[in-house]
N, C-alpha and C. Protein backbone atom coordinates (compact mmCIF):
# COMPACT_ATOMS: atom_id res chain seq x y z
N MET A 1 0.84 -1.19 0.03
CA MET A 1 0.00 0.01 0.04
C MET A 1 0.87 1.23 -0.05
N LEU A 2 1.91 1.26 0.90
CA LEU A 2 2.72 2.44 0.98
C LEU A 2 3.53 2.68 -0.38
N ILE A 3 3.90 1.59 -0.86
CA ILE A 3 4.69 1.66 -2.18
C ILE A 3 3.79 2.25 -3.22
N ASN A 4 2.55 1.88 -3.37
CA ASN A 4 1.72 2.42 -4.34
C ASN A 4 1.49 3.89 -4.13
N VAL A 5 1.38 4.31 -2.92
CA VAL A 5 1.15 5.75 -2.59
C VAL A 5 2.47 6.48 -3.03
N LEU A 6 3.65 5.95 -2.70
CA LEU A 6 4.84 6.65 -3.07
C LEU A 6 5.00 6.63 -4.61
N ILE A 7 4.62 5.64 -5.25
CA ILE A 7 4.73 5.63 -6.75
C ILE A 7 3.89 6.71 -7.36
N ILE A 8 2.61 6.79 -6.86
CA ILE A 8 1.67 7.81 -7.33
C ILE A 8 2.24 9.21 -6.98
N PHE A 9 2.72 9.40 -5.78
CA PHE A 9 3.31 10.66 -5.39
C PHE A 9 4.40 11.14 -6.33
N PHE A 10 5.32 10.21 -6.60
CA PHE A 10 6.45 10.54 -7.46
C PHE A 10 6.03 10.82 -8.92
N ILE A 11 5.06 10.07 -9.39
CA ILE A 11 4.51 10.33 -10.81
C ILE A 11 3.94 11.66 -10.85
N LEU A 12 3.11 12.01 -9.80
CA LEU A 12 2.51 13.34 -9.85
C LEU A 12 3.59 14.39 -9.75
N TYR A 13 4.54 14.23 -8.91
CA TYR A 13 5.68 15.17 -8.82
C TYR A 13 6.43 15.37 -10.02
N ILE A 14 6.74 14.34 -10.76
CA ILE A 14 7.34 14.46 -12.09
C ILE A 14 6.47 15.27 -13.02
N PHE A 15 5.21 14.93 -13.13
CA PHE A 15 4.36 15.71 -14.05
C PHE A 15 4.29 17.16 -13.64
N TYR A 16 4.29 17.40 -12.31
CA TYR A 16 4.30 18.88 -11.90
C TYR A 16 5.54 19.58 -12.25
N GLN A 17 6.69 18.92 -12.14
CA GLN A 17 7.98 19.52 -12.58
C GLN A 17 7.95 19.82 -14.09
N VAL A 18 7.44 18.91 -14.83
CA VAL A 18 7.37 19.11 -16.28
C VAL A 18 6.48 20.22 -16.62
N PHE A 19 5.42 20.32 -15.82
CA PHE A 19 4.46 21.45 -16.08
C PHE A 19 5.18 22.76 -15.75
N LEU A 20 5.97 22.86 -14.61
CA LEU A 20 6.61 24.07 -14.27
C LEU A 20 7.66 24.40 -15.32
N TYR A 21 8.37 23.45 -15.85
CA TYR A 21 9.39 23.62 -16.85
C TYR A 21 8.73 24.30 -18.14
N ASN A 22 7.64 23.78 -18.47
CA ASN A 22 6.97 24.31 -19.76
C ASN A 22 6.50 25.68 -19.55
N ILE A 23 6.06 26.06 -18.28
CA ILE A 23 5.60 27.43 -18.02
C ILE A 23 6.80 28.38 -18.08
N ASN A 24 7.91 28.09 -17.45
CA ASN A 24 9.05 28.95 -17.30
C ASN A 24 9.99 28.93 -18.53
N LYS A 25 9.74 28.06 -19.49
CA LYS A 25 10.66 27.95 -20.60
C LYS A 25 10.63 29.24 -21.41
N SER A 26 11.70 29.82 -21.67
CA SER A 26 11.80 31.03 -22.45
C SER A 26 12.33 30.63 -23.85
N PRO A 27 11.82 31.31 -24.87
CA PRO A 27 12.40 30.98 -26.23
C PRO A 27 13.84 31.33 -26.41
N ILE A 28 14.56 30.57 -27.21
CA ILE A 28 15.89 30.77 -27.46
C ILE A 28 16.12 32.00 -28.44
N ILE A 29 16.79 32.99 -28.02
CA ILE A 29 17.08 34.23 -28.84
C ILE A 29 18.48 34.22 -29.32
N GLU A 30 18.66 34.25 -30.60
CA GLU A 30 20.01 34.28 -31.17
C GLU A 30 20.71 35.58 -30.72
N GLY A 31 21.97 35.43 -30.26
CA GLY A 31 22.67 36.62 -29.79
C GLY A 31 22.60 36.75 -28.28
N MET A 32 22.07 35.78 -27.63
CA MET A 32 21.96 35.74 -26.22
C MET A 32 21.14 36.83 -25.67
N GLY A 33 20.12 37.21 -26.40
CA GLY A 33 19.20 38.23 -25.90
C GLY A 33 19.60 39.60 -26.54
N ALA A 34 19.10 39.95 -27.63
CA ALA A 34 19.59 41.22 -28.26
C ALA A 34 19.38 42.44 -27.48
N GLU A 35 18.44 42.40 -26.50
CA GLU A 35 18.20 43.62 -25.77
C GLU A 35 19.28 43.94 -24.85
N GLU A 36 20.16 42.92 -24.44
CA GLU A 36 21.25 43.11 -23.54
C GLU A 36 22.54 43.55 -24.25
N ILE A 37 22.66 43.41 -25.52
CA ILE A 37 23.87 43.75 -26.26
C ILE A 37 23.73 45.19 -26.78
N THR A 38 24.81 45.93 -26.60
CA THR A 38 24.78 47.29 -27.11
C THR A 38 25.06 47.27 -28.52
N SER A 39 24.27 48.03 -29.37
CA SER A 39 24.43 48.13 -30.73
C SER A 39 25.31 49.29 -31.17
N TYR A 40 26.10 49.19 -32.12
CA TYR A 40 27.06 50.22 -32.53
C TYR A 40 26.71 50.69 -33.96
N ASN A 41 27.18 51.81 -34.33
CA ASN A 41 26.99 52.37 -35.68
C ASN A 41 27.84 51.64 -36.67
N LYS A 42 27.31 50.78 -37.42
CA LYS A 42 28.13 49.95 -38.36
C LYS A 42 28.39 50.75 -39.62
N ASN A 43 27.74 51.85 -39.85
CA ASN A 43 27.89 52.57 -41.06
C ASN A 43 28.99 53.63 -40.97
N ASP A 44 29.60 53.81 -39.83
CA ASP A 44 30.64 54.82 -39.54
C ASP A 44 31.99 54.22 -40.08
N PRO A 45 32.62 54.76 -41.13
CA PRO A 45 33.80 54.28 -41.66
C PRO A 45 35.00 54.47 -40.76
N ASP A 46 34.90 55.42 -39.79
CA ASP A 46 35.91 55.83 -38.89
C ASP A 46 35.91 54.74 -37.70
N ASN A 47 34.94 54.00 -37.53
CA ASN A 47 34.87 53.12 -36.41
C ASN A 47 35.46 51.66 -36.78
N ALA A 48 36.72 51.53 -36.67
CA ALA A 48 37.36 50.22 -37.05
C ALA A 48 37.24 49.17 -35.98
N MET A 49 36.76 49.50 -34.86
CA MET A 49 36.67 48.55 -33.78
C MET A 49 35.29 47.96 -33.55
N ILE A 50 34.37 48.06 -34.56
CA ILE A 50 33.05 47.67 -34.44
C ILE A 50 32.95 46.16 -33.99
N LEU A 51 33.60 45.36 -34.71
CA LEU A 51 33.55 43.93 -34.48
C LEU A 51 34.07 43.61 -33.08
N ALA A 52 35.13 44.25 -32.68
CA ALA A 52 35.77 44.05 -31.41
C ALA A 52 34.79 44.47 -30.27
N GLN A 53 34.16 45.55 -30.48
CA GLN A 53 33.17 46.07 -29.49
C GLN A 53 31.95 45.14 -29.46
N GLU A 54 31.45 44.69 -30.50
CA GLU A 54 30.33 43.67 -30.46
C GLU A 54 30.74 42.38 -29.76
N ASN A 55 31.97 41.86 -30.07
CA ASN A 55 32.42 40.67 -29.48
C ASN A 55 32.56 40.91 -27.92
N ALA A 56 33.07 42.02 -27.57
CA ALA A 56 33.15 42.34 -26.11
C ALA A 56 31.82 42.38 -25.44
N GLY A 57 30.85 42.92 -26.03
CA GLY A 57 29.49 42.94 -25.48
C GLY A 57 28.90 41.54 -25.40
N ASN A 58 29.17 40.72 -26.47
CA ASN A 58 28.64 39.37 -26.41
C ASN A 58 29.32 38.47 -25.38
N ILE A 59 30.61 38.77 -25.18
CA ILE A 59 31.37 38.01 -24.12
C ILE A 59 30.82 38.37 -22.77
N GLN A 60 30.51 39.63 -22.57
CA GLN A 60 29.97 40.04 -21.17
C GLN A 60 28.60 39.35 -20.95
N VAL A 61 27.80 39.23 -22.00
CA VAL A 61 26.51 38.53 -21.83
C VAL A 61 26.65 37.11 -21.59
N ILE A 62 27.55 36.50 -22.26
CA ILE A 62 27.85 35.08 -22.10
C ILE A 62 28.35 34.78 -20.66
N LYS A 63 29.28 35.73 -20.21
CA LYS A 63 29.83 35.58 -18.87
C LYS A 63 28.66 35.66 -17.80
N LYS A 64 27.68 36.55 -17.96
CA LYS A 64 26.54 36.57 -17.07
C LYS A 64 25.77 35.29 -17.12
N GLN A 65 25.62 34.72 -18.34
CA GLN A 65 24.78 33.44 -18.36
C GLN A 65 25.60 32.36 -17.66
N LEU A 66 26.94 32.29 -17.87
CA LEU A 66 27.69 31.24 -17.19
C LEU A 66 27.67 31.42 -15.70
N GLU A 67 27.62 32.60 -15.16
CA GLU A 67 27.58 32.84 -13.68
C GLU A 67 26.25 32.31 -13.24
N LYS A 68 25.09 32.40 -13.98
CA LYS A 68 23.93 31.89 -13.62
C LYS A 68 23.89 30.36 -13.60
N LEU A 69 24.64 29.82 -14.56
CA LEU A 69 24.83 28.31 -14.61
C LEU A 69 25.57 27.87 -13.40
N LEU A 70 26.58 28.58 -12.99
CA LEU A 70 27.37 28.14 -11.81
C LEU A 70 26.45 28.08 -10.58
N ASP A 71 25.64 29.05 -10.44
CA ASP A 71 24.65 29.11 -9.30
C ASP A 71 23.72 27.87 -9.39
N LEU A 72 23.28 27.57 -10.59
CA LEU A 72 22.41 26.45 -10.84
C LEU A 72 23.13 25.12 -10.43
N ASP A 73 24.41 25.03 -10.72
CA ASP A 73 25.16 23.90 -10.41
C ASP A 73 25.18 23.58 -8.84
N LYS A 74 25.28 24.66 -8.13
CA LYS A 74 25.20 24.53 -6.71
C LYS A 74 23.88 24.02 -6.23
N GLN A 75 22.88 24.50 -6.83
CA GLN A 75 21.49 24.08 -6.46
C GLN A 75 21.27 22.56 -6.85
N VAL A 76 21.79 22.16 -8.00
CA VAL A 76 21.66 20.79 -8.40
C VAL A 76 22.40 19.83 -7.48
N ASN A 77 23.61 20.31 -6.98
CA ASN A 77 24.32 19.47 -6.06
C ASN A 77 23.63 19.28 -4.69
N THR A 78 23.02 20.41 -4.25
CA THR A 78 22.25 20.35 -3.02
C THR A 78 21.05 19.44 -3.18
N MET A 79 20.33 19.64 -4.33
CA MET A 79 19.19 18.71 -4.48
C MET A 79 19.57 17.27 -4.64
N ASN A 80 20.72 16.99 -5.22
CA ASN A 80 21.24 15.63 -5.34
C ASN A 80 21.47 15.02 -3.93
N ASN A 81 22.08 15.83 -3.10
CA ASN A 81 22.30 15.33 -1.68
C ASN A 81 21.02 15.11 -1.01
N ASP A 82 20.01 15.98 -1.21
CA ASP A 82 18.77 15.81 -0.57
C ASP A 82 18.11 14.55 -1.07
N LEU A 83 18.21 14.28 -2.36
CA LEU A 83 17.64 13.14 -3.02
C LEU A 83 18.19 11.87 -2.42
N ASP A 84 19.50 11.91 -2.22
CA ASP A 84 20.18 10.76 -1.60
C ASP A 84 19.66 10.42 -0.24
N LYS A 85 19.49 11.46 0.54
CA LYS A 85 18.96 11.29 1.84
C LYS A 85 17.51 10.82 1.84
N LEU A 86 16.76 11.26 0.92
CA LEU A 86 15.36 10.79 0.71
C LEU A 86 15.37 9.36 0.38
N ALA A 87 16.31 8.85 -0.49
CA ALA A 87 16.34 7.47 -0.93
C ALA A 87 16.63 6.57 0.32
N VAL A 88 17.56 7.02 1.14
CA VAL A 88 17.83 6.24 2.42
C VAL A 88 16.64 6.22 3.29
N GLN A 89 15.95 7.31 3.44
CA GLN A 89 14.73 7.25 4.25
C GLN A 89 13.72 6.37 3.72
N VAL A 90 13.48 6.36 2.43
CA VAL A 90 12.45 5.57 1.73
C VAL A 90 12.80 4.07 1.95
N ASN A 91 14.09 3.78 1.75
CA ASN A 91 14.56 2.41 1.93
C ASN A 91 14.39 2.02 3.35
N GLY A 92 14.55 2.82 4.36
CA GLY A 92 14.32 2.55 5.77
C GLY A 92 12.84 2.31 5.98
N ILE A 93 11.94 3.02 5.32
CA ILE A 93 10.56 2.84 5.47
C ILE A 93 10.15 1.51 4.93
N ILE A 94 10.73 1.12 3.76
CA ILE A 94 10.44 -0.06 3.14
C ILE A 94 10.84 -1.27 3.95
N MET A 95 11.96 -1.19 4.61
CA MET A 95 12.53 -2.25 5.43
C MET A 95 11.67 -2.53 6.65
N ASN A 96 10.99 -1.45 7.11
CA ASN A 96 10.21 -1.54 8.33
C ASN A 96 8.81 -2.07 7.96
């Protein structure tokens, strides 16, 4: 009986997580989000550093995205540890 309840609980939890993922999913925008990158006057012949300036702006945006991923990595590790503890507890319940 307890195993059936746990199976139903985890199935519902997985569907809930998929539902949350689909709600929060943002579309992929080429250029890592054009609103964050500074645009430069490409028609100015005196501006020889246009490509370098655009690349520098793109690198800054990518750096911000990587910093967010590093924070996400910490959260995943914490959740992994919590899941390991939960598995031990569930195994203890099953043994009793």
